[in-house]
Amino acid sequence: MSKLLEVKELTKQFGGVTAVSDVSFGLGEGEIVTVIGPNGAGKTTLFNMISCFLSPTSGEVYYKGKKLTGQKIPQLAALGMARTFQNLQIFHNMTVLENVMMGAHVKLKTNVLNAAFRLPRIKKDEKLAYELAVEVIKLVGLEELMFEKAGQLSYGIQKQLEFARAIVYGPDLIMLDEPMAGLNDSETNRMGGFIQALKRKGSSFLFVEHKMTTVMELADRIVVLDFGKKIAEGTPEEIQRNPKVIAAYLGEEVG
């Protein structure tokens, strides 16, 4: 399996505190990799370095063989990466359709001149954005809410909406920051179904998650952090039996 993402010896220090220390792992095409660990293990810091929201103190990230470290955030979408956030980043005063259409901008070729003078290019782009958005809205089962304002929707539906906006332009790697947080069992199963459906179409996923049942069901491989260090990596079955992981979660000593 060829490597889509390579994380090499990432370290992040905040003053005298080392939040992430020398973490390395890879992610192959069509693979789901989940990062887990107790609270304060460094998961979000690692995630933010990979997605260029934080610069590492040392180490590198490569995507499709291209060095990501130092790239600007808007460039990631053009490279084929998308991510969601723990705190929802949706436009509450826009409809479901408008929110998802906003996510289609990577596929569009409109510039300021086209938009200002309503040149033919803008009409083509608007049509493409609409078609892409409707297709994805149907995929996640939100077609009946297409014209509802996002701010009026339940939290679970808003999570589905953010997911739809992240995938609308067809990224190769989708990064999800706690996608199941705040969802009930039915919503969690539904989100898991979306992820599996996209994986079957060739998408790859990297996500941070606390719901262990979901992690064990979805992940091909799991990376475990504790106190900023990688303490284990392997299949769900291997991770469940790993004494270091058990110790990190249950506080037991490992001989």
C-alpha atoms as a PDB file:
ATOM      1  CA  MET A   1       0.000   0.000   0.000  1.00  0.00           C
ATOM      2  CA  SER A   2       1.533   3.336  -1.060  1.00  0.00           C
ATOM      3  CA  LYS A   3       1.868   6.020   1.602  1.00  0.00           C
ATOM      4  CA  LEU A   4      -0.526   8.937   1.237  1.00  0.00           C
ATOM      5  CA  LEU A   5       0.573  10.646   4.454  1.00  0.00           C
ATOM      6  CA  GLU A   6       3.860  10.358   6.320  1.00  0.00           C
ATOM      7  CA  VAL A   7       4.431  11.869   9.741  1.00  0.00           C
ATOM      8  CA  LYS A   8       8.117  11.907  10.669  1.00  0.00           C
ATOM      9  CA  GLU A   9       9.388  12.592  14.183  1.00  0.00           C
ATOM     10  CA  LEU A  10       6.947  15.423  14.934  1.00  0.00           C
ATOM     11  CA  THR A  11       7.667  17.329  18.129  1.00  0.00           C
ATOM     12  CA  LYS A  12       5.907  20.378  19.577  1.00  0.00           C
ATOM     13  CA  GLN A  13       7.097  22.341  22.575  1.00  0.00           C
ATOM     14  CA  PHE A  14       5.244  25.174  24.274  1.00  0.00           C
ATOM     15  CA  GLY A  15       7.854  26.918  26.396  1.00  0.00           C
ATOM     16  CA  GLY A  16       9.229  24.237  28.663  1.00  0.00           C
ATOM     17  CA  VAL A  17       6.352  21.819  28.008  1.00  0.00           C
ATOM     18  CA  THR A  18       6.646  19.118  25.330  1.00  0.00           C
ATOM     19  CA  ALA A  19       3.106  18.436  24.085  1.00  0.00           C
ATOM     20  CA  VAL A  20       4.131  15.989  21.337  1.00  0.00           C
ATOM     21  CA  SER A  21       7.454  14.168  21.269  1.00  0.00           C
ATOM     22  CA  ASP A  22       9.026  12.466  18.259  1.00  0.00           C
ATOM     23  CA  VAL A  23       5.819  10.945  16.803  1.00  0.00           C
ATOM     24  CA  SER A  24       6.018   9.056  13.499  1.00  0.00           C
ATOM     25  CA  PHE A  25       3.478   7.023  11.516  1.00  0.00           C
ATOM     26  CA  GLY A  26       2.084   6.667   8.007  1.00  0.00           C
ATOM     27  CA  LEU A  27      -1.303   6.366   6.338  1.00  0.00           C
ATOM     28  CA  GLY A  28      -1.898   4.449   3.118  1.00  0.00           C
ATOM     29  CA  GLU A  29      -4.356   5.132   0.317  1.00  0.00           C
ATOM     30  CA  GLY A  30      -7.844   3.932   1.194  1.00  0.00           C
ATOM     31  CA  GLU A  31      -6.904   3.419   4.847  1.00  0.00           C
ATOM     32  CA  ILE A  32      -8.552   4.589   8.076  1.00  0.00           C
ATOM     33  CA  VAL A  33      -6.108   5.487  10.841  1.00  0.00           C
ATOM     34  CA  THR A  34      -7.344   6.675  14.233  1.00  0.00           C
ATOM     35  CA  VAL A  35      -5.339   8.527  16.876  1.00  0.00           C
ATOM     36  CA  ILE A  36      -6.405   7.771  20.446  1.00  0.00           C
ATOM     37  CA  GLY A  37      -5.110   8.437  23.935  1.00  0.00           C
ATOM     38  CA  PRO A  38      -6.158   9.741  27.347  1.00  0.00           C
ATOM     39  CA  ASN A  39      -7.066  13.403  27.815  1.00  0.00           C
ATOM     40  CA  GLY A  40      -3.971  15.567  27.491  1.00  0.00           C
ATOM     41  CA  ALA A  41      -2.092  12.964  25.458  1.00  0.00           C
ATOM     42  CA  GLY A  42      -1.307  15.438  22.642  1.00  0.00           C
ATOM     43  CA  LYS A  43      -3.824  14.228  20.065  1.00  0.00           C
ATOM     44  CA  THR A  44      -5.196  17.638  19.064  1.00  0.00           C
ATOM     45  CA  THR A  45      -1.723  19.185  18.977  1.00  0.00           C
ATOM     46  CA  LEU A  46      -0.566  16.392  16.655  1.00  0.00           C
ATOM     47  CA  PHE A  47      -3.658  16.827  14.490  1.00  0.00           C
ATOM     48  CA  ASN A  48      -3.098  20.583  14.262  1.00  0.00           C
ATOM     49  CA  MET A  49       0.515  20.134  13.200  1.00  0.00           C
ATOM     50  CA  ILE A  50      -0.432  17.668  10.451  1.00  0.00           C
ATOM     51  CA  SER A  51      -3.069  20.074   9.127  1.00  0.00           C
ATOM     52  CA  CYS A  52      -0.724  23.090   9.342  1.00  0.00           C
ATOM     53  CA  PHE A  53      -2.638  24.930  12.075  1.00  0.00           C
ATOM     54  CA  LEU A  54       0.491  24.631  14.222  1.00  0.00           C
ATOM     55  CA  SER A  55       4.131  24.642  13.175  1.00  0.00           C
ATOM     56  CA  PRO A  56       6.158  21.795  14.693  1.00  0.00           C
ATOM     57  CA  THR A  57       9.216  22.485  16.795  1.00  0.00           C
ATOM     58  CA  SER A  58      10.871  19.730  14.786  1.00  0.00           C
ATOM     59  CA  GLY A  59       9.899  16.952  12.385  1.00  0.00           C
ATOM     60  CA  GLU A  60       8.156  16.859   9.016  1.00  0.00           C
ATOM     61  CA  VAL A  61       4.851  15.907   7.415  1.00  0.00           C
ATOM     62  CA  TYR A  62       4.629  14.642   3.821  1.00  0.00           C
ATOM     63  CA  TYR A  63       1.449  14.271   1.764  1.00  0.00           C
ATOM     64  CA  LYS A  64       1.656  12.435  -1.564  1.00  0.00           C
ATOM     65  CA  GLY A  65       5.410  12.821  -1.235  1.00  0.00           C
ATOM     66  CA  LYS A  66       5.168  16.619  -0.924  1.00  0.00           C
ATOM     67  CA  LYS A  67       6.414  18.352   2.203  1.00  0.00           C
ATOM     68  CA  LEU A  68       3.456  19.865   4.057  1.00  0.00           C
ATOM     69  CA  THR A  69       5.350  21.524   6.878  1.00  0.00           C
ATOM     70  CA  GLY A  70       5.182  25.270   6.369  1.00  0.00           C
ATOM     71  CA  GLN A  71       2.309  25.167   3.872  1.00  0.00           C
ATOM     72  CA  LYS A  72      -0.520  27.665   4.276  1.00  0.00           C
ATOM     73  CA  ILE A  73      -3.883  26.241   5.367  1.00  0.00           C
ATOM     74  CA  PRO A  74      -5.814  27.214   2.168  1.00  0.00           C
ATOM     75  CA  GLN A  75      -3.294  25.265   0.089  1.00  0.00           C
ATOM     76  CA  LEU A  76      -4.241  21.986   1.777  1.00  0.00           C
ATOM     77  CA  ALA A  77      -7.630  21.821   0.071  1.00  0.00           C
ATOM     78  CA  ALA A  78      -6.010  22.268  -3.327  1.00  0.00           C
ATOM     79  CA  LEU A  79      -3.687  19.368  -2.469  1.00  0.00           C
ATOM     80  CA  GLY A  80      -6.660  17.124  -1.680  1.00  0.00           C
ATOM     81  CA  MET A  81      -6.947  17.362   2.120  1.00  0.00           C
ATOM     82  CA  ALA A  82      -9.974  18.320   4.199  1.00  0.00           C
ATOM     83  CA  ARG A  83     -10.608  18.508   7.937  1.00  0.00           C
ATOM     84  CA  THR A  84     -13.351  19.146  10.447  1.00  0.00           C
ATOM     85  CA  PHE A  85     -13.076  20.615  13.939  1.00  0.00           C
ATOM     86  CA  GLN A  86     -14.214  19.803  17.469  1.00  0.00           C
ATOM     87  CA  ASN A  87     -16.019  23.150  17.495  1.00  0.00           C
ATOM     88  CA  LEU A  88     -18.341  23.270  14.503  1.00  0.00           C
ATOM     89  CA  GLN A  89     -17.280  25.673  11.750  1.00  0.00           C
ATOM     90  CA  ILE A  90     -20.557  26.185   9.911  1.00  0.00           C
ATOM     91  CA  PHE A  91     -22.402  29.315   8.765  1.00  0.00           C
ATOM     92  CA  HIS A  92     -25.488  29.442  10.975  1.00  0.00           C
ATOM     93  CA  ASN A  93     -27.337  32.024   8.871  1.00  0.00           C
ATOM     94  CA  MET A  94     -26.871  30.065   5.649  1.00  0.00           C
ATOM     95  CA  THR A  95     -28.977  27.127   4.499  1.00  0.00           C
ATOM     96  CA  VAL A  96     -27.706  23.571   4.400  1.00  0.00           C
ATOM     97  CA  LEU A  97     -27.315  23.883   0.621  1.00  0.00           C
ATOM     98  CA  GLU A  98     -25.409  27.173   0.846  1.00  0.00           C
ATOM     99  CA  ASN A  99     -23.051  25.775   3.494  1.00  0.00           C
ATOM    100  CA  VAL A 100     -22.167  22.762   1.389  1.00  0.00           C
ATOM    101  CA  MET A 101     -21.789  24.862  -1.761  1.00  0.00           C
ATOM    102  CA  MET A 102     -19.205  26.948   0.124  1.00  0.00           C
ATOM    103  CA  GLY A 103     -17.115  23.805   0.488  1.00  0.00           C
ATOM    104  CA  ALA A 104     -17.050  23.286  -3.283  1.00  0.00           C
ATOM    105  CA  HIS A 105     -14.856  26.358  -3.926  1.00  0.00           C
ATOM    106  CA  VAL A 106     -11.751  24.212  -4.558  1.00  0.00           C
ATOM    107  CA  LYS A 107     -13.360  22.808  -7.708  1.00  0.00           C
ATOM    108  CA  LEU A 108     -14.271  26.232  -9.017  1.00  0.00           C
ATOM    109  CA  LYS A 109     -12.292  28.568 -11.257  1.00  0.00           C
ATOM    110  CA  THR A 110     -14.112  31.806 -10.526  1.00  0.00           C
ATOM    111  CA  ASN A 111     -11.945  34.849  -9.834  1.00  0.00           C
ATOM    112  CA  VAL A 112     -12.816  38.361  -8.670  1.00  0.00           C
ATOM    113  CA  LEU A 113     -13.250  39.664 -12.240  1.00  0.00           C
ATOM    114  CA  ASN A 114     -15.645  36.861 -13.194  1.00  0.00           C
ATOM    115  CA  ALA A 115     -17.693  37.381 -10.045  1.00  0.00           C
ATOM    116  CA  ALA A 116     -17.818  41.158 -10.306  1.00  0.00           C
ATOM    117  CA  PHE A 117     -18.999  41.244 -13.921  1.00  0.00           C
ATOM    118  CA  ARG A 118     -21.045  38.035 -13.817  1.00  0.00           C
ATOM    119  CA  LEU A 119     -19.037  36.600 -16.706  1.00  0.00           C
ATOM    120  CA  PRO A 120     -20.089  33.200 -18.150  1.00  0.00           C
ATOM    121  CA  ARG A 121     -17.494  31.413 -15.983  1.00  0.00           C
ATOM    122  CA  ILE A 122     -19.423  32.323 -12.796  1.00  0.00           C
ATOM    123  CA  LYS A 123     -22.601  30.693 -14.070  1.00  0.00           C
ATOM    124  CA  LYS A 124     -20.754  27.480 -14.874  1.00  0.00           C
ATOM    125  CA  ASP A 125     -19.149  27.435 -11.449  1.00  0.00           C
ATOM    126  CA  GLU A 126     -22.420  28.104  -9.644  1.00  0.00           C
ATOM    127  CA  LYS A 127     -24.036  25.218 -11.511  1.00  0.00           C
ATOM    128  CA  LEU A 128     -21.138  22.883 -10.661  1.00  0.00           C
ATOM    129  CA  ALA A 129     -21.164  23.913  -6.983  1.00  0.00           C
ATOM    130  CA  TYR A 130     -24.919  23.314  -6.815  1.00  0.00           C
ATOM    131  CA  GLU A 131     -24.680  19.880  -8.421  1.00  0.00           C
ATOM    132  CA  LEU A 132     -21.807  18.784  -6.183  1.00  0.00           C
ATOM    133  CA  ALA A 133     -23.593  20.052  -3.083  1.00  0.00           C
ATOM    134  CA  VAL A 134     -26.882  18.330  -3.883  1.00  0.00           C
ATOM    135  CA  GLU A 135     -25.096  15.028  -4.547  1.00  0.00           C
ATOM    136  CA  VAL A 136     -23.320  15.112  -1.186  1.00  0.00           C
ATOM    137  CA  ILE A 137     -26.409  16.320   0.694  1.00  0.00           C
ATOM    138  CA  LYS A 138     -28.263  13.286  -0.610  1.00  0.00           C
ATOM    139  CA  LEU A 139     -25.352  11.033   0.374  1.00  0.00           C
ATOM    140  CA  VAL A 140     -25.615  12.129   4.012  1.00  0.00           C
ATOM    141  CA  GLY A 141     -29.414  12.099   4.001  1.00  0.00           C
ATOM    142  CA  LEU A 142     -30.041  15.825   4.447  1.00  0.00           C
ATOM    143  CA  GLU A 143     -32.066  16.460   1.282  1.00  0.00           C
ATOM    144  CA  GLU A 144     -35.260  17.212   3.249  1.00  0.00           C
ATOM    145  CA  LEU A 145     -33.377  19.920   5.176  1.00  0.00           C
ATOM    146  CA  MET A 146     -31.598  21.405   2.163  1.00  0.00           C
ATOM    147  CA  PHE A 147     -33.203  24.845   2.507  1.00  0.00           C
ATOM    148  CA  GLU A 148     -33.244  25.012   6.308  1.00  0.00           C
ATOM    149  CA  LYS A 149     -30.952  27.489   8.085  1.00  0.00           C
ATOM    150  CA  ALA A 150     -28.006  25.630   9.616  1.00  0.00           C
ATOM    151  CA  GLY A 151     -28.395  27.395  12.968  1.00  0.00           C
ATOM    152  CA  GLN A 152     -31.859  25.894  13.428  1.00  0.00           C
ATOM    153  CA  LEU A 153     -30.652  22.300  13.146  1.00  0.00           C
ATOM    154  CA  SER A 154     -29.818  19.918  15.986  1.00  0.00           C
ATOM    155  CA  TYR A 155     -26.176  19.410  16.947  1.00  0.00           C
ATOM    156  CA  GLY A 156     -26.107  15.947  15.376  1.00  0.00           C
ATOM    157  CA  ILE A 157     -27.428  17.275  12.061  1.00  0.00           C
ATOM    158  CA  GLN A 158     -24.942  20.147  12.159  1.00  0.00           C
ATOM    159  CA  LYS A 159     -22.144  17.575  12.508  1.00  0.00           C
ATOM    160  CA  GLN A 160     -23.439  15.782   9.403  1.00  0.00           C
ATOM    161  CA  LEU A 161     -23.554  19.131   7.621  1.00  0.00           C
ATOM    162  CA  GLU A 162     -19.934  19.938   8.472  1.00  0.00           C
ATOM    163  CA  PHE A 163     -18.932  16.476   7.273  1.00  0.00           C
ATOM    164  CA  ALA A 164     -20.819  17.049   4.000  1.00  0.00           C
ATOM    165  CA  ARG A 165     -19.066  20.379   3.439  1.00  0.00           C
ATOM    166  CA  ALA A 166     -15.660  18.784   4.081  1.00  0.00           C
ATOM    167  CA  ILE A 167     -16.154  16.029   1.489  1.00  0.00           C
ATOM    168  CA  VAL A 168     -18.019  17.940  -1.227  1.00  0.00           C
ATOM    169  CA  TYR A 169     -14.963  18.626  -3.403  1.00  0.00           C
ATOM    170  CA  GLY A 170     -13.754  15.009  -3.247  1.00  0.00           C
ATOM    171  CA  PRO A 171     -10.606  15.183  -1.071  1.00  0.00           C
ATOM    172  CA  ASP A 172      -8.333  12.139  -0.974  1.00  0.00           C
ATOM    173  CA  LEU A 173      -7.600  12.514   2.753  1.00  0.00           C
ATOM    174  CA  ILE A 174     -10.310  13.519   5.222  1.00  0.00           C
ATOM    175  CA  MET A 175      -9.199  14.513   8.718  1.00  0.00           C
ATOM    176  CA  LEU A 176     -11.900  14.410  11.376  1.00  0.00           C
ATOM    177  CA  ASP A 177     -11.433  15.859  14.860  1.00  0.00           C
ATOM    178  CA  GLU A 178     -13.697  13.831  17.179  1.00  0.00           C
ATOM    179  CA  PRO A 179     -16.444  13.280  14.586  1.00  0.00           C
ATOM    180  CA  MET A 180     -18.628  11.303  17.021  1.00  0.00           C
ATOM    181  CA  ALA A 181     -18.407  13.717  19.977  1.00  0.00           C
ATOM    182  CA  GLY A 182     -21.877  14.758  21.145  1.00  0.00           C
ATOM    183  CA  LEU A 183     -23.677  12.269  18.882  1.00  0.00           C
ATOM    184  CA  ASN A 184     -26.140   9.682  20.156  1.00  0.00           C
ATOM    185  CA  ASP A 185     -25.825   6.008  19.194  1.00  0.00           C
ATOM    186  CA  SER A 186     -28.002   6.348  16.108  1.00  0.00           C
ATOM    187  CA  GLU A 187     -26.135   9.423  14.868  1.00  0.00           C
ATOM    188  CA  THR A 188     -22.794   7.755  15.608  1.00  0.00           C
ATOM    189  CA  ASN A 189     -23.749   4.700  13.546  1.00  0.00           C
ATOM    190  CA  ARG A 190     -24.911   6.947  10.740  1.00  0.00           C
ATOM    191  CA  MET A 191     -21.647   8.884  10.677  1.00  0.00           C
ATOM    192  CA  GLY A 192     -19.714   5.620  10.734  1.00  0.00           C
ATOM    193  CA  GLY A 193     -21.724   4.473   7.734  1.00  0.00           C
ATOM    194  CA  PHE A 194     -20.757   7.613   5.799  1.00  0.00           C
ATOM    195  CA  ILE A 195     -17.084   7.011   6.544  1.00  0.00           C
ATOM    196  CA  GLN A 196     -17.244   3.372   5.454  1.00  0.00           C
ATOM    197  CA  ALA A 197     -19.118   4.275   2.262  1.00  0.00           C
ATOM    198  CA  LEU A 198     -16.463   6.830   1.297  1.00  0.00           C
ATOM    199  CA  LYS A 199     -13.662   4.419   2.133  1.00  0.00           C
ATOM    200  CA  ARG A 200     -15.171   1.932  -0.322  1.00  0.00           C
ATOM    201  CA  LYS A 201     -14.925   4.685  -2.954  1.00  0.00           C
ATOM    202  CA  GLY A 202     -11.217   5.137  -2.204  1.00  0.00           C
ATOM    203  CA  SER A 203     -11.131   7.945   0.396  1.00  0.00           C
ATOM    204  CA  SER A 204      -8.626   7.828   3.254  1.00  0.00           C
ATOM    205  CA  PHE A 205      -9.289   9.001   6.794  1.00  0.00           C
ATOM    206  CA  LEU A 206      -7.274  10.194   9.761  1.00  0.00           C
ATOM    207  CA  PHE A 207      -9.267  11.018  12.843  1.00  0.00           C
ATOM    208  CA  VAL A 208      -9.091  11.587  16.566  1.00  0.00           C
ATOM    209  CA  GLU A 209     -11.843   9.894  18.538  1.00  0.00           C
ATOM    210  CA  HIS A 210     -12.764   8.981  22.123  1.00  0.00           C
ATOM    211  CA  LYS A 211     -15.567   6.501  21.435  1.00  0.00           C
ATOM    212  CA  MET A 212     -13.661   3.225  21.566  1.00  0.00           C
ATOM    213  CA  THR A 213     -16.458   1.105  20.081  1.00  0.00           C
ATOM    214  CA  THR A 214     -16.445   3.308  16.984  1.00  0.00           C
ATOM    215  CA  VAL A 215     -12.639   3.256  16.776  1.00  0.00           C
ATOM    216  CA  MET A 216     -12.503  -0.538  16.953  1.00  0.00           C
ATOM    217  CA  GLU A 217     -15.212  -0.903  14.302  1.00  0.00           C
ATOM    218  CA  LEU A 218     -13.833   1.604  11.774  1.00  0.00           C
ATOM    219  CA  ALA A 219     -10.054   1.774  12.093  1.00  0.00           C
ATOM    220  CA  ASP A 220      -7.639  -0.264  10.020  1.00  0.00           C
ATOM    221  CA  ARG A 221      -4.829   0.894  12.294  1.00  0.00           C
ATOM    222  CA  ILE A 222      -4.681   2.798  15.560  1.00  0.00           C
ATOM    223  CA  VAL A 223      -1.959   5.134  16.829  1.00  0.00           C
ATOM    224  CA  VAL A 224      -1.931   5.547  20.616  1.00  0.00           C
ATOM    225  CA  LEU A 225      -0.456   8.589  22.359  1.00  0.00           C
ATOM    226  CA  ASP A 226       0.260   9.083  26.050  1.00  0.00           C
ATOM    227  CA  PHE A 227       1.960  12.171  27.496  1.00  0.00           C
ATOM    228  CA  GLY A 228       2.791  13.278  23.942  1.00  0.00           C
ATOM    229  CA  LYS A 229       4.594  10.095  22.956  1.00  0.00           C
ATOM    230  CA  LYS A 230       3.501   7.268  20.695  1.00  0.00           C
ATOM    231  CA  ILE A 231       3.245   4.198  22.904  1.00  0.00           C
ATOM    232  CA  ALA A 232       1.650   1.795  20.410  1.00  0.00           C
ATOM    233  CA  GLU A 233       0.526   1.360  16.816  1.00  0.00           C
ATOM    234  CA  GLY A 234      -1.324  -1.566  15.280  1.00  0.00           C
ATOM    235  CA  THR A 235      -4.635  -3.122  14.313  1.00  0.00           C
ATOM    236  CA  PRO A 236      -7.619  -2.807  16.680  1.00  0.00           C
ATOM    237  CA  GLU A 237      -7.028  -6.374  17.861  1.00  0.00           C
ATOM    238  CA  GLU A 238      -3.368  -5.663  18.614  1.00  0.00           C
ATOM    239  CA  ILE A 239      -4.161  -2.428  20.431  1.00  0.00           C
ATOM    240  CA  GLN A 240      -6.807  -4.060  22.619  1.00  0.00           C
ATOM    241  CA  ARG A 241      -4.208  -6.556  23.871  1.00  0.00           C
ATOM    242  CA  ASN A 242      -1.324  -4.094  24.253  1.00  0.00           C
ATOM    243  CA  PRO A 243      -0.296  -3.806  27.934  1.00  0.00           C
ATOM    244  CA  LYS A 244       1.034  -0.238  27.493  1.00  0.00           C
ATOM    245  CA  VAL A 245      -2.330   0.885  26.127  1.00  0.00           C
ATOM    246  CA  ILE A 246      -4.202  -0.823  28.948  1.00  0.00           C
ATOM    247  CA  ALA A 247      -1.907   0.867  31.467  1.00  0.00           C
ATOM    248  CA  ALA A 248      -2.414   4.306  29.850  1.00  0.00           C
ATOM    249  CA  TYR A 249      -6.200   4.016  30.014  1.00  0.00           C
ATOM    250  CA  LEU A 250      -6.626   2.114  33.273  1.00  0.00           C
ATOM    251  CA  GLY A 251      -3.628   3.409  35.189  1.00  0.00           C
ATOM    252  CA  GLU A 252      -2.117  -0.028  35.711  1.00  0.00           C
ATOM    253  CA  GLU A 253       1.599  -0.552  35.953  1.00  0.00           C
ATOM    254  CA  VAL A 254       3.317  -2.504  33.207  1.00  0.00           C
ATOM    255  CA  GLY A 255       6.233  -4.749  34.122  1.00  0.00           C
END
